[in-house]
Amino acid sequence: MQEGETKMIEALLYAFAGIALIGTVSAASMRDPFDKLIGIGVIAAGVLPLVVYRGYLDVAVAVALIVPVTTIIVLLVCRRDAR
């Protein structure tokens, strides 16, 4: 890799780590379960590229499949609590 490419990849990694941290702060500070889901989605969006960069494609596929399913389950549970 050339030096410019390496710097760009490092910048992207820092950006994705920042996105994950923003999602963490957001999920921790929100009280409403639906708002927490948005924060958890932002965490997943920030962590998934980091997992792919490290070469753990099997873990990335598992995370990409598990996060939406758990989101649906949490939405169903929250809906039951509202009744």
Protein backbone atom coordinates (compact mmCIF):
# COMPACT_ATOMS: atom_id res chain seq x y z
CA MET A 1 0.00 0.00 0.00
CA GLN A 2 1.09 3.51 -0.62
CA GLU A 3 1.46 6.05 2.14
CA GLY A 4 -1.60 8.05 1.07
CA GLU A 5 -3.78 4.94 1.13
CA THR A 6 -2.56 4.01 4.59
CA LYS A 7 -3.40 7.47 5.95
CA MET A 8 -6.84 7.33 4.39
CA ILE A 9 -7.56 3.92 5.91
CA GLU A 10 -6.40 5.16 9.32
CA ALA A 11 -8.68 8.19 9.00
CA LEU A 12 -11.63 5.94 8.13
CA LEU A 13 -10.89 3.67 11.08
CA TYR A 14 -10.89 6.66 13.43
CA ALA A 15 -14.14 7.88 11.88
CA PHE A 16 -15.84 4.51 12.37
CA ALA A 17 -14.55 4.28 15.94
CA GLY A 18 -15.98 7.76 16.54
CA ILE A 19 -19.33 6.65 15.13
CA ALA A 20 -19.35 3.68 17.50
CA LEU A 21 -18.54 5.96 20.46
CA ILE A 22 -21.30 8.38 19.48
CA GLY A 23 -23.73 5.48 19.36
CA THR A 24 -22.56 4.30 22.77
CA VAL A 25 -23.07 7.70 24.36
CA SER A 26 -26.43 8.03 22.65
CA ALA A 27 -27.67 4.61 23.80
CA ALA A 28 -26.45 5.22 27.34
CA SER A 29 -28.08 8.63 27.66
CA MET A 30 -31.49 7.86 26.15
CA ARG A 31 -34.38 6.68 28.32
CA ASP A 32 -36.87 5.60 25.66
CA PRO A 33 -36.28 2.03 24.40
CA PHE A 34 -36.93 3.06 20.80
CA ASP A 35 -34.25 5.76 21.04
CA LYS A 36 -31.86 3.21 22.50
CA LEU A 37 -32.41 1.04 19.41
CA ILE A 38 -31.22 3.88 17.22
CA GLY A 39 -28.08 4.17 19.35
CA ILE A 40 -27.47 0.44 19.14
CA GLY A 41 -27.86 0.60 15.36
CA VAL A 42 -25.27 3.38 15.23
CA ILE A 43 -22.92 1.26 17.35
CA ALA A 44 -23.31 -1.65 14.94
CA ALA A 45 -22.71 0.66 11.96
CA GLY A 46 -19.47 1.86 13.52
CA VAL A 47 -18.20 -1.53 14.67
CA LEU A 48 -18.97 -3.56 11.56
CA PRO A 49 -16.36 -1.88 9.30
CA LEU A 50 -13.75 -2.32 12.04
CA VAL A 51 -14.52 -6.04 12.19
CA VAL A 52 -14.25 -6.33 8.40
CA TYR A 53 -10.94 -4.43 8.38
CA ARG A 54 -9.44 -6.92 10.83
CA GLY A 55 -10.44 -9.74 8.47
CA TYR A 56 -13.14 -11.37 10.56
CA LEU A 57 -15.65 -11.68 7.74
CA ASP A 58 -17.51 -14.56 9.39
CA VAL A 59 -18.08 -12.43 12.48
CA ALA A 60 -19.16 -9.50 10.30
CA VAL A 61 -21.74 -11.67 8.54
CA ALA A 62 -23.03 -12.95 11.89
CA VAL A 63 -23.32 -9.41 13.27
CA ALA A 64 -25.04 -8.23 10.08
CA LEU A 65 -27.62 -11.00 10.51
CA ILE A 66 -28.07 -10.85 14.28
CA VAL A 67 -28.48 -7.08 14.76
CA PRO A 68 -31.64 -6.70 12.64
CA VAL A 69 -33.22 -9.81 14.16
CA THR A 70 -32.59 -8.61 17.71
CA THR A 71 -33.93 -5.18 16.75
CA ILE A 72 -37.20 -6.77 15.64
CA ILE A 73 -37.40 -8.81 18.85
CA VAL A 74 -36.79 -5.74 21.01
CA LEU A 75 -39.43 -3.79 19.09
CA LEU A 76 -41.93 -6.59 19.72
CA VAL A 77 -41.10 -6.65 23.43
CA CYS A 78 -41.40 -2.85 23.70
CA ARG A 79 -44.72 -2.96 21.91
CA ARG A 80 -46.07 -5.44 24.44
CA ASP A 81 -44.98 -3.19 27.30
CA ALA A 82 -46.91 -0.26 25.80
CA ARG A 83 -50.23 -2.12 25.99
